[in-house]
Amino acid sequence: MNNILKYRTASTLDISQLKNLALLAYGQFKDVLGIENWQIMESNLSSEEKIADLLSKATCFVCTDGTTIVGMAYLMPQGNPTPIFQANWSYLRLVAVHPDHNGKGIAKTLTQLCIDHAKQNNEHTIALHTSEFMDAARHIYEGFGFKQLKEIEPLFGKRYWIYTLDLDR
């Protein structure tokens, strides 16, 4: 593994690595979530079909160490509403960093790439959801100016909040 980190957009050729990274990065929360909730999350993160569907709609920025993807963040454009995200919002999904690469600014750089991409595409709001056990992520998002909008129904037995960033300011 070399020490030069590079950033690019992901393609369907990266699905296997994206899945592996998601499982490894979110696997850090296995004990916090408990066995039953982790199994649900693990099942979602393991689905290559779900990853392919996400890639077909969102832009996924990745960080590589030369050959291996060590960080990722998806930006879903507006027009893709969910029960928690409004139709006129773009939103971040699955921001993840390989545990061996924590503290190198990868999540921050990936978040900035998503913000820049949203601005280039005339998005007005970026939303995301994050949880009580994701302290480092909340710190990064708040550093970019994301504001807590509201608490949502618990997921995986944990508290979650919607954050938004107004790009028109």
N, C-alpha and C. Protein backbone atom coordinates (compact mmCIF):
# COMPACT_ATOMS: atom_id res chain seq x y z
N MET A 1 0.85 -1.18 0.00
CA MET A 1 0.00 0.00 0.00
C MET A 1 0.90 1.24 0.00
N ASN A 2 0.67 2.13 -1.00
CA ASN A 2 1.46 3.35 -0.98
C ASN A 2 0.70 4.42 -0.20
N ASN A 3 1.36 5.52 0.07
CA ASN A 3 0.75 6.54 0.92
C ASN A 3 0.10 7.67 0.15
N ILE A 4 0.03 7.55 -1.18
CA ILE A 4 -0.58 8.60 -1.97
C ILE A 4 -2.06 8.31 -2.14
N LEU A 5 -2.87 9.19 -1.58
CA LEU A 5 -4.31 9.03 -1.68
C LEU A 5 -4.80 9.79 -2.91
N LYS A 6 -5.69 9.15 -3.66
CA LYS A 6 -6.25 9.76 -4.86
C LYS A 6 -7.76 9.69 -4.78
N TYR A 7 -8.40 10.67 -5.38
CA TYR A 7 -9.85 10.75 -5.37
C TYR A 7 -10.38 10.67 -6.79
N ARG A 8 -11.51 9.99 -6.94
CA ARG A 8 -12.15 9.84 -8.25
C ARG A 8 -13.60 9.45 -8.02
N THR A 9 -14.36 9.33 -9.12
CA THR A 9 -15.72 8.82 -8.99
C THR A 9 -15.70 7.31 -9.21
N ALA A 10 -16.63 6.65 -8.58
CA ALA A 10 -16.73 5.19 -8.66
C ALA A 10 -17.53 4.79 -9.89
N SER A 11 -17.35 3.54 -10.27
CA SER A 11 -18.13 2.95 -11.37
C SER A 11 -18.63 1.58 -10.92
N THR A 12 -19.39 0.94 -11.77
CA THR A 12 -19.90 -0.39 -11.43
C THR A 12 -18.77 -1.40 -11.26
N LEU A 13 -17.60 -1.12 -11.81
CA LEU A 13 -16.45 -2.01 -11.62
C LEU A 13 -15.98 -2.03 -10.17
N ASP A 14 -16.42 -1.04 -9.40
CA ASP A 14 -15.99 -0.90 -8.00
C ASP A 14 -16.96 -1.52 -7.00
N ILE A 15 -18.04 -2.11 -7.47
CA ILE A 15 -19.10 -2.59 -6.56
C ILE A 15 -18.56 -3.50 -5.46
N SER A 16 -17.74 -4.44 -5.80
CA SER A 16 -17.21 -5.36 -4.79
C SER A 16 -16.41 -4.63 -3.72
N GLN A 17 -15.55 -3.69 -4.14
CA GLN A 17 -14.76 -2.93 -3.17
C GLN A 17 -15.63 -2.00 -2.33
N LEU A 18 -16.67 -1.41 -2.95
CA LEU A 18 -17.57 -0.54 -2.20
C LEU A 18 -18.30 -1.34 -1.11
N LYS A 19 -18.75 -2.52 -1.47
CA LYS A 19 -19.42 -3.39 -0.50
C LYS A 19 -18.46 -3.74 0.64
N ASN A 20 -17.26 -4.16 0.29
CA ASN A 20 -16.29 -4.56 1.32
C ASN A 20 -15.95 -3.41 2.25
N LEU A 21 -15.79 -2.20 1.68
CA LEU A 21 -15.48 -1.04 2.51
C LEU A 21 -16.64 -0.72 3.44
N ALA A 22 -17.86 -0.76 2.92
CA ALA A 22 -19.03 -0.46 3.76
C ALA A 22 -19.10 -1.42 4.94
N LEU A 23 -18.91 -2.70 4.67
CA LEU A 23 -18.96 -3.70 5.74
C LEU A 23 -17.86 -3.48 6.78
N LEU A 24 -16.67 -3.14 6.32
CA LEU A 24 -15.55 -2.93 7.23
C LEU A 24 -15.74 -1.65 8.04
N ALA A 25 -16.10 -0.56 7.37
CA ALA A 25 -16.23 0.72 8.06
C ALA A 25 -17.40 0.72 9.04
N TYR A 26 -18.56 0.26 8.59
CA TYR A 26 -19.73 0.24 9.47
C TYR A 26 -19.67 -0.91 10.47
N GLY A 27 -18.84 -1.91 10.18
CA GLY A 27 -18.64 -3.02 11.10
C GLY A 27 -18.05 -2.58 12.43
N GLN A 28 -17.43 -1.41 12.44
CA GLN A 28 -16.90 -0.85 13.69
C GLN A 28 -18.01 -0.61 14.71
N PHE A 29 -19.25 -0.51 14.24
CA PHE A 29 -20.38 -0.21 15.11
C PHE A 29 -21.16 -1.46 15.53
N LYS A 30 -20.64 -2.61 15.18
CA LYS A 30 -21.33 -3.88 15.45
C LYS A 30 -21.71 -4.02 16.92
N ASP A 31 -20.77 -3.75 17.81
CA ASP A 31 -21.03 -3.91 19.24
C ASP A 31 -22.03 -2.88 19.75
N VAL A 32 -21.96 -1.66 19.21
CA VAL A 32 -22.88 -0.60 19.61
C VAL A 32 -24.31 -0.94 19.19
N LEU A 33 -24.43 -1.53 18.01
CA LEU A 33 -25.74 -1.84 17.44
C LEU A 33 -26.38 -3.08 18.06
N GLY A 34 -25.57 -4.01 18.48
CA GLY A 34 -26.09 -5.29 18.97
C GLY A 34 -26.27 -6.24 17.80
N ILE A 35 -26.31 -7.52 18.10
CA ILE A 35 -26.30 -8.56 17.07
C ILE A 35 -27.46 -8.45 16.09
N GLU A 36 -28.66 -8.29 16.59
CA GLU A 36 -29.84 -8.27 15.72
C GLU A 36 -29.82 -7.06 14.77
N ASN A 37 -29.53 -5.87 15.31
CA ASN A 37 -29.48 -4.68 14.47
C ASN A 37 -28.30 -4.72 13.51
N TRP A 38 -27.16 -5.26 13.95
CA TRP A 38 -26.02 -5.38 13.05
C TRP A 38 -26.36 -6.31 11.89
N GLN A 39 -27.05 -7.40 12.15
CA GLN A 39 -27.40 -8.33 11.08
C GLN A 39 -28.26 -7.66 10.01
N ILE A 40 -29.17 -6.78 10.44
CA ILE A 40 -30.00 -6.04 9.48
C ILE A 40 -29.12 -5.09 8.66
N MET A 41 -28.26 -4.33 9.34
CA MET A 41 -27.38 -3.40 8.64
C MET A 41 -26.44 -4.16 7.71
N GLU A 42 -25.88 -5.24 8.21
CA GLU A 42 -24.95 -6.04 7.41
C GLU A 42 -25.62 -6.56 6.15
N SER A 43 -26.85 -7.00 6.27
CA SER A 43 -27.59 -7.50 5.11
C SER A 43 -27.77 -6.40 4.07
N ASN A 44 -28.12 -5.19 4.52
CA ASN A 44 -28.28 -4.06 3.59
C ASN A 44 -26.96 -3.71 2.93
N LEU A 45 -25.89 -3.65 3.71
CA LEU A 45 -24.58 -3.27 3.18
C LEU A 45 -23.99 -4.33 2.25
N SER A 46 -24.42 -5.57 2.40
CA SER A 46 -23.88 -6.68 1.61
C SER A 46 -24.53 -6.82 0.24
N SER A 47 -25.60 -6.11 0.00
CA SER A 47 -26.35 -6.27 -1.25
C SER A 47 -25.70 -5.54 -2.42
N GLU A 48 -25.08 -6.31 -3.31
CA GLU A 48 -24.48 -5.70 -4.49
C GLU A 48 -25.55 -5.08 -5.39
N GLU A 49 -26.78 -5.62 -5.35
CA GLU A 49 -27.87 -5.05 -6.12
C GLU A 49 -28.22 -3.65 -5.61
N LYS A 50 -28.23 -3.48 -4.28
CA LYS A 50 -28.52 -2.16 -3.70
C LYS A 50 -27.41 -1.17 -4.03
N ILE A 51 -26.17 -1.64 -4.02
CA ILE A 51 -25.05 -0.77 -4.37
C ILE A 51 -25.15 -0.36 -5.84
N ALA A 52 -25.45 -1.31 -6.72
CA ALA A 52 -25.59 -0.99 -8.14
C ALA A 52 -26.72 0.01 -8.36
N ASP A 53 -27.84 -0.17 -7.65
CA ASP A 53 -28.96 0.76 -7.78
C ASP A 53 -28.55 2.15 -7.31
N LEU A 54 -27.86 2.22 -6.19
CA LEU A 54 -27.39 3.50 -5.68
C LEU A 54 -26.44 4.17 -6.68
N LEU A 55 -25.52 3.40 -7.24
CA LEU A 55 -24.58 3.93 -8.23
C LEU A 55 -25.29 4.43 -9.49
N SER A 56 -26.43 3.82 -9.83
CA SER A 56 -27.14 4.24 -11.04
C SER A 56 -27.82 5.59 -10.87
N LYS A 57 -28.01 6.03 -9.63
CA LYS A 57 -28.69 7.29 -9.37
C LYS A 57 -27.77 8.36 -8.79
N ALA A 58 -26.82 7.94 -7.98
CA ALA A 58 -25.96 8.87 -7.23
C ALA A 58 -24.57 8.95 -7.84
N THR A 59 -23.86 10.00 -7.48
CA THR A 59 -22.43 10.09 -7.78
C THR A 59 -21.70 9.61 -6.54
N CYS A 60 -20.82 8.65 -6.73
CA CYS A 60 -20.04 8.13 -5.61
C CYS A 60 -18.59 8.56 -5.77
N PHE A 61 -18.12 9.33 -4.82
CA PHE A 61 -16.72 9.73 -4.80
C PHE A 61 -15.97 8.72 -3.93
N VAL A 62 -14.79 8.32 -4.39
CA VAL A 62 -13.99 7.37 -3.63
C VAL A 62 -12.58 7.91 -3.46
N CYS A 63 -11.93 7.41 -2.42
CA CYS A 63 -10.52 7.67 -2.16
C CYS A 63 -9.81 6.33 -2.26
N THR A 64 -8.72 6.30 -3.01
CA THR A 64 -7.94 5.07 -3.13
C THR A 64 -6.53 5.31 -2.62
N ASP A 65 -5.90 4.23 -2.19
CA ASP A 65 -4.50 4.30 -1.78
C ASP A 65 -3.60 3.79 -2.91
N GLY A 66 -4.12 3.79 -4.10
CA GLY A 66 -3.40 3.31 -5.27
C GLY A 66 -4.18 2.20 -5.94
N THR A 67 -4.55 1.18 -5.16
CA THR A 67 -5.29 0.06 -5.72
C THR A 67 -6.60 -0.23 -4.98
N THR A 68 -6.66 0.14 -3.72
CA THR A 68 -7.80 -0.21 -2.89
C THR A 68 -8.61 1.03 -2.53
N ILE A 69 -9.93 0.90 -2.60
CA ILE A 69 -10.80 1.99 -2.15
C ILE A 69 -10.79 2.01 -0.63
N VAL A 70 -10.40 3.16 -0.06
CA VAL A 70 -10.30 3.30 1.39
C VAL A 70 -11.29 4.33 1.94
N GLY A 71 -12.06 4.95 1.06
CA GLY A 71 -13.07 5.90 1.49
C GLY A 71 -14.11 6.07 0.40
N MET A 72 -15.35 6.38 0.81
CA MET A 72 -16.42 6.60 -0.17
C MET A 72 -17.49 7.51 0.41
N ALA A 73 -18.19 8.19 -0.49
CA ALA A 73 -19.35 9.00 -0.13
C ALA A 73 -20.22 9.14 -1.37
N TYR A 74 -21.51 8.92 -1.20
CA TYR A 74 -22.46 9.04 -2.30
C TYR A 74 -23.22 10.35 -2.16
N LEU A 75 -23.44 11.03 -3.30
CA LEU A 75 -24.31 12.19 -3.33
C LEU A 75 -25.48 11.86 -4.24
N MET A 76 -26.65 11.76 -3.64
CA MET A 76 -27.88 11.50 -4.39
C MET A 76 -28.46 12.85 -4.80
N PRO A 77 -28.75 13.03 -6.09
CA PRO A 77 -29.31 14.31 -6.52
C PRO A 77 -30.77 14.47 -6.10
N GLN A 78 -31.24 15.71 -6.11
CA GLN A 78 -32.65 15.94 -5.81
C GLN A 78 -33.51 15.17 -6.80
N GLY A 79 -34.74 14.94 -6.41
CA GLY A 79 -35.64 14.17 -7.27
C GLY A 79 -35.67 12.69 -6.91
N ASN A 80 -35.04 12.34 -5.81
CA ASN A 80 -35.02 10.95 -5.34
C ASN A 80 -35.49 10.89 -3.89
N PRO A 81 -36.76 11.22 -3.66
CA PRO A 81 -37.24 11.28 -2.28
C PRO A 81 -37.30 9.90 -1.63
N THR A 82 -37.21 9.92 -0.33
CA THR A 82 -37.37 8.73 0.51
C THR A 82 -38.31 9.12 1.64
N PRO A 83 -38.66 8.21 2.51
CA PRO A 83 -39.49 8.62 3.66
C PRO A 83 -38.83 9.68 4.54
N ILE A 84 -37.50 9.83 4.49
CA ILE A 84 -36.85 10.84 5.33
C ILE A 84 -36.23 12.00 4.55
N PHE A 85 -36.06 11.85 3.23
CA PHE A 85 -35.46 12.92 2.43
C PHE A 85 -36.47 13.49 1.45
N GLN A 86 -36.61 14.81 1.44
CA GLN A 86 -37.55 15.49 0.56
C GLN A 86 -37.09 15.42 -0.90
N ALA A 87 -38.05 15.53 -1.81
CA ALA A 87 -37.76 15.44 -3.25
C ALA A 87 -36.84 16.56 -3.72
N ASN A 88 -36.89 17.73 -3.08
CA ASN A 88 -36.07 18.85 -3.54
C ASN A 88 -34.70 18.90 -2.85
N TRP A 89 -34.34 17.87 -2.13
CA TRP A 89 -33.03 17.79 -1.48
C TRP A 89 -32.13 16.82 -2.23
N SER A 90 -30.86 17.17 -2.32
CA SER A 90 -29.84 16.16 -2.59
C SER A 90 -29.44 15.64 -1.21
N TYR A 91 -28.79 14.48 -1.17
CA TYR A 91 -28.41 13.98 0.15
C TYR A 91 -27.20 13.05 0.08
N LEU A 92 -26.46 13.06 1.19
CA LEU A 92 -25.28 12.20 1.34
C LEU A 92 -25.72 10.83 1.84
N ARG A 93 -25.04 9.81 1.35
CA ARG A 93 -25.29 8.45 1.81
C ARG A 93 -23.95 7.73 1.98
N LEU A 94 -23.92 6.82 2.91
CA LEU A 94 -22.81 5.87 3.10
C LEU A 94 -21.41 6.50 3.02
N VAL A 95 -21.20 7.52 3.81
CA VAL A 95 -19.85 8.06 3.93
C VAL A 95 -19.09 7.06 4.81
N ALA A 96 -17.99 6.53 4.29
CA ALA A 96 -17.27 5.49 5.01
C ALA A 96 -15.77 5.59 4.73
N VAL A 97 -14.99 5.30 5.75
CA VAL A 97 -13.53 5.29 5.64
C VAL A 97 -13.00 4.01 6.27
N HIS A 98 -12.07 3.38 5.59
CA HIS A 98 -11.41 2.19 6.13
C HIS A 98 -10.80 2.54 7.49
N PRO A 99 -11.02 1.72 8.52
CA PRO A 99 -10.51 2.04 9.86
C PRO A 99 -9.00 2.31 9.90
N ASP A 100 -8.22 1.68 9.05
CA ASP A 100 -6.77 1.92 9.02
C ASP A 100 -6.43 3.31 8.50
N HIS A 101 -7.40 4.01 7.92
CA HIS A 101 -7.16 5.32 7.33
C HIS A 101 -7.91 6.44 8.05
N ASN A 102 -8.51 6.14 9.20
CA ASN A 102 -9.17 7.18 9.98
C ASN A 102 -8.15 8.25 10.38
N GLY A 103 -8.61 9.49 10.46
CA GLY A 103 -7.74 10.58 10.90
C GLY A 103 -6.89 11.20 9.81
N LYS A 104 -7.08 10.80 8.58
CA LYS A 104 -6.29 11.34 7.47
C LYS A 104 -7.04 12.40 6.67
N GLY A 105 -8.24 12.76 7.12
CA GLY A 105 -9.02 13.78 6.43
C GLY A 105 -9.80 13.27 5.23
N ILE A 106 -9.90 11.95 5.09
CA ILE A 106 -10.58 11.37 3.93
C ILE A 106 -12.07 11.70 3.94
N ALA A 107 -12.74 11.50 5.05
CA ALA A 107 -14.18 11.78 5.12
C ALA A 107 -14.44 13.26 4.86
N LYS A 108 -13.60 14.10 5.37
CA LYS A 108 -13.75 15.55 5.16
C LYS A 108 -13.59 15.89 3.68
N THR A 109 -12.58 15.33 3.03
CA THR A 109 -12.37 15.59 1.60
C THR A 109 -13.52 15.04 0.77
N LEU A 110 -13.99 13.85 1.08
CA LEU A 110 -15.12 13.27 0.35
C LEU A 110 -16.38 14.11 0.52
N THR A 111 -16.61 14.61 1.73
CA THR A 111 -17.77 15.47 1.98
C THR A 111 -17.64 16.75 1.17
N GLN A 112 -16.45 17.33 1.13
CA GLN A 112 -16.24 18.55 0.34
C GLN A 112 -16.47 18.28 -1.15
N LEU A 113 -16.02 17.14 -1.65
CA LEU A 113 -16.27 16.79 -3.05
C LEU A 113 -17.77 16.71 -3.33
N CYS A 114 -18.52 16.14 -2.41
CA CYS A 114 -19.97 16.05 -2.57
C CYS A 114 -20.61 17.44 -2.57
N ILE A 115 -20.18 18.30 -1.65
CA ILE A 115 -20.71 19.66 -1.59
C ILE A 115 -20.40 20.40 -2.89
N ASP A 116 -19.16 20.32 -3.35
CA ASP A 116 -18.76 20.99 -4.59
C ASP A 116 -19.58 20.48 -5.78
N HIS A 117 -19.77 19.17 -5.84
CA HIS A 117 -20.54 18.57 -6.93
C HIS A 117 -21.99 19.05 -6.88
N ALA A 118 -22.55 19.11 -5.69
CA ALA A 118 -23.93 19.59 -5.53
C ALA A 118 -24.05 21.04 -6.01
N LYS A 119 -23.10 21.87 -5.65
CA LYS A 119 -23.12 23.27 -6.09
C LYS A 119 -23.02 23.37 -7.61
N GLN A 120 -22.14 22.57 -8.20
CA GLN A 120 -21.98 22.57 -9.66
C GLN A 120 -23.27 22.15 -10.37
N ASN A 121 -24.07 21.34 -9.70
CA ASN A 121 -25.31 20.85 -10.29
C ASN A 121 -26.54 21.62 -9.81
N ASN A 122 -26.28 22.81 -9.28
CA ASN A 122 -27.35 23.73 -8.87
C ASN A 122 -28.31 23.13 -7.84
N GLU A 123 -27.78 22.31 -6.97
CA GLU A 123 -28.58 21.82 -5.85
C GLU A 123 -28.72 22.97 -4.85
N HIS A 124 -29.79 22.97 -4.09
CA HIS A 124 -30.03 24.04 -3.12
C HIS A 124 -29.82 23.57 -1.69
N THR A 125 -30.07 22.29 -1.44
CA THR A 125 -29.96 21.74 -0.09
C THR A 125 -29.32 20.35 -0.17
N ILE A 126 -28.39 20.10 0.73
CA ILE A 126 -27.87 18.75 0.92
C ILE A 126 -28.34 18.30 2.30
N ALA A 127 -28.90 17.12 2.37
CA ALA A 127 -29.34 16.54 3.63
C ALA A 127 -28.52 15.28 3.91
N LEU A 128 -28.61 14.81 5.12
CA LEU A 128 -28.00 13.54 5.51
C LEU A 128 -28.67 13.11 6.79
N HIS A 129 -28.50 11.84 7.12
CA HIS A 129 -28.93 11.38 8.44
C HIS A 129 -27.74 10.74 9.12
N THR A 130 -27.66 10.96 10.41
CA THR A 130 -26.55 10.43 11.19
C THR A 130 -27.07 10.08 12.58
N SER A 131 -26.28 9.31 13.29
CA SER A 131 -26.76 8.74 14.54
C SER A 131 -25.96 9.18 15.76
N GLU A 132 -26.53 8.87 16.89
CA GLU A 132 -25.91 9.18 18.18
C GLU A 132 -24.54 8.51 18.35
N PHE A 133 -24.28 7.42 17.66
CA PHE A 133 -23.01 6.72 17.83
C PHE A 133 -21.98 7.12 16.78
N MET A 134 -22.31 8.08 15.93
CA MET A 134 -21.39 8.52 14.87
C MET A 134 -20.84 9.91 15.20
N ASP A 135 -20.15 10.01 16.32
CA ASP A 135 -19.63 11.29 16.80
C ASP A 135 -18.68 11.96 15.81
N ALA A 136 -17.75 11.21 15.26
CA ALA A 136 -16.77 11.78 14.34
C ALA A 136 -17.46 12.33 13.09
N ALA A 137 -18.46 11.61 12.59
CA ALA A 137 -19.18 12.06 11.40
C ALA A 137 -19.94 13.35 11.70
N ARG A 138 -20.63 13.41 12.83
CA ARG A 138 -21.38 14.62 13.18
C ARG A 138 -20.45 15.81 13.29
N HIS A 139 -19.28 15.61 13.85
CA HIS A 139 -18.29 16.68 13.99
C HIS A 139 -17.88 17.22 12.61
N ILE A 140 -17.64 16.32 11.67
CA ILE A 140 -17.27 16.74 10.32
C ILE A 140 -18.41 17.52 9.68
N TYR A 141 -19.62 16.98 9.73
CA TYR A 141 -20.76 17.65 9.08
C TYR A 141 -21.01 19.02 9.69
N GLU A 142 -20.97 19.10 11.00
CA GLU A 142 -21.20 20.39 11.66
C GLU A 142 -20.11 21.39 11.29
N GLY A 143 -18.88 20.90 11.07
CA GLY A 143 -17.78 21.77 10.65
C GLY A 143 -18.02 22.39 9.27
N PHE A 144 -18.80 21.71 8.44
CA PHE A 144 -19.15 22.24 7.12
C PHE A 144 -20.38 23.14 7.18
N GLY A 145 -21.01 23.23 8.33
CA GLY A 145 -22.18 24.07 8.47
C GLY A 145 -23.51 23.35 8.39
N PHE A 146 -23.49 22.02 8.34
CA PHE A 146 -24.75 21.27 8.39
C PHE A 146 -25.41 21.56 9.73
N LYS A 147 -26.73 21.76 9.70
CA LYS A 147 -27.50 22.05 10.91
C LYS A 147 -28.49 20.92 11.16
N GLN A 148 -28.62 20.57 12.42
CA GLN A 148 -29.59 19.54 12.79
C GLN A 148 -31.00 20.08 12.55
N LEU A 149 -31.75 19.40 11.70
CA LEU A 149 -33.10 19.83 11.37
C LEU A 149 -34.13 19.20 12.31
N LYS A 150 -34.02 17.86 12.49
CA LYS A 150 -34.99 17.19 13.34
C LYS A 150 -34.51 15.78 13.65
N GLU A 151 -35.06 15.24 14.72
CA GLU A 151 -34.82 13.84 15.06
C GLU A 151 -35.84 13.02 14.28
N ILE A 152 -35.42 11.86 13.80
CA ILE A 152 -36.32 10.96 13.08
C ILE A 152 -36.54 9.71 13.92
N GLU A 153 -37.42 8.87 13.44
CA GLU A 153 -37.68 7.60 14.13
C GLU A 153 -36.37 6.83 14.28
N PRO A 154 -36.17 6.16 15.40
CA PRO A 154 -34.94 5.40 15.60
C PRO A 154 -34.71 4.36 14.48
N LEU A 155 -33.47 4.18 14.15
CA LEU A 155 -33.03 3.15 13.20
C LEU A 155 -32.05 2.24 13.93
N PHE A 156 -32.15 0.96 13.70
CA PHE A 156 -31.23 0.01 14.33
C PHE A 156 -31.19 0.19 15.85
N GLY A 157 -32.31 0.63 16.41
CA GLY A 157 -32.40 0.80 17.85
C GLY A 157 -31.66 2.01 18.39
N LYS A 158 -31.29 2.95 17.51
CA LYS A 158 -30.51 4.12 17.93
C LYS A 158 -31.18 5.40 17.46
N ARG A 159 -30.84 6.50 18.13
CA ARG A 159 -31.35 7.83 17.74
C ARG A 159 -30.65 8.29 16.47
N TYR A 160 -31.42 8.89 15.57
CA TYR A 160 -30.92 9.46 14.32
C TYR A 160 -31.51 10.84 14.11
N TRP A 161 -30.74 11.68 13.42
CA TRP A 161 -31.19 13.03 13.11
C TRP A 161 -30.98 13.31 11.63
N ILE A 162 -31.83 14.19 11.10
CA ILE A 162 -31.63 14.75 9.76
C ILE A 162 -30.86 16.05 9.94
N TYR A 163 -29.81 16.21 9.14
CA TYR A 163 -29.06 17.45 9.06
C TYR A 163 -29.21 17.99 7.65
N THR A 164 -29.20 19.32 7.51
CA THR A 164 -29.23 19.93 6.18
C THR A 164 -28.18 21.02 6.08
N LEU A 165 -27.77 21.26 4.85
CA LEU A 165 -26.85 22.35 4.53
C LEU A 165 -27.49 23.14 3.40
N ASP A 166 -27.73 24.42 3.64
CA ASP A 166 -28.31 25.32 2.64
C ASP A 166 -27.19 25.82 1.74
N LEU A 167 -27.24 25.43 0.46
CA LEU A 167 -26.19 25.80 -0.49
C LEU A 167 -26.41 27.19 -1.10
N ASP A 168 -27.55 27.80 -0.83
CA ASP A 168 -27.87 29.11 -1.40
C ASP A 168 -27.38 30.24 -0.52
N ARG A 169 -26.79 29.92 0.62
CA ARG A 169 -26.32 30.96 1.54
C ARG A 169 -24.95 31.44 1.16
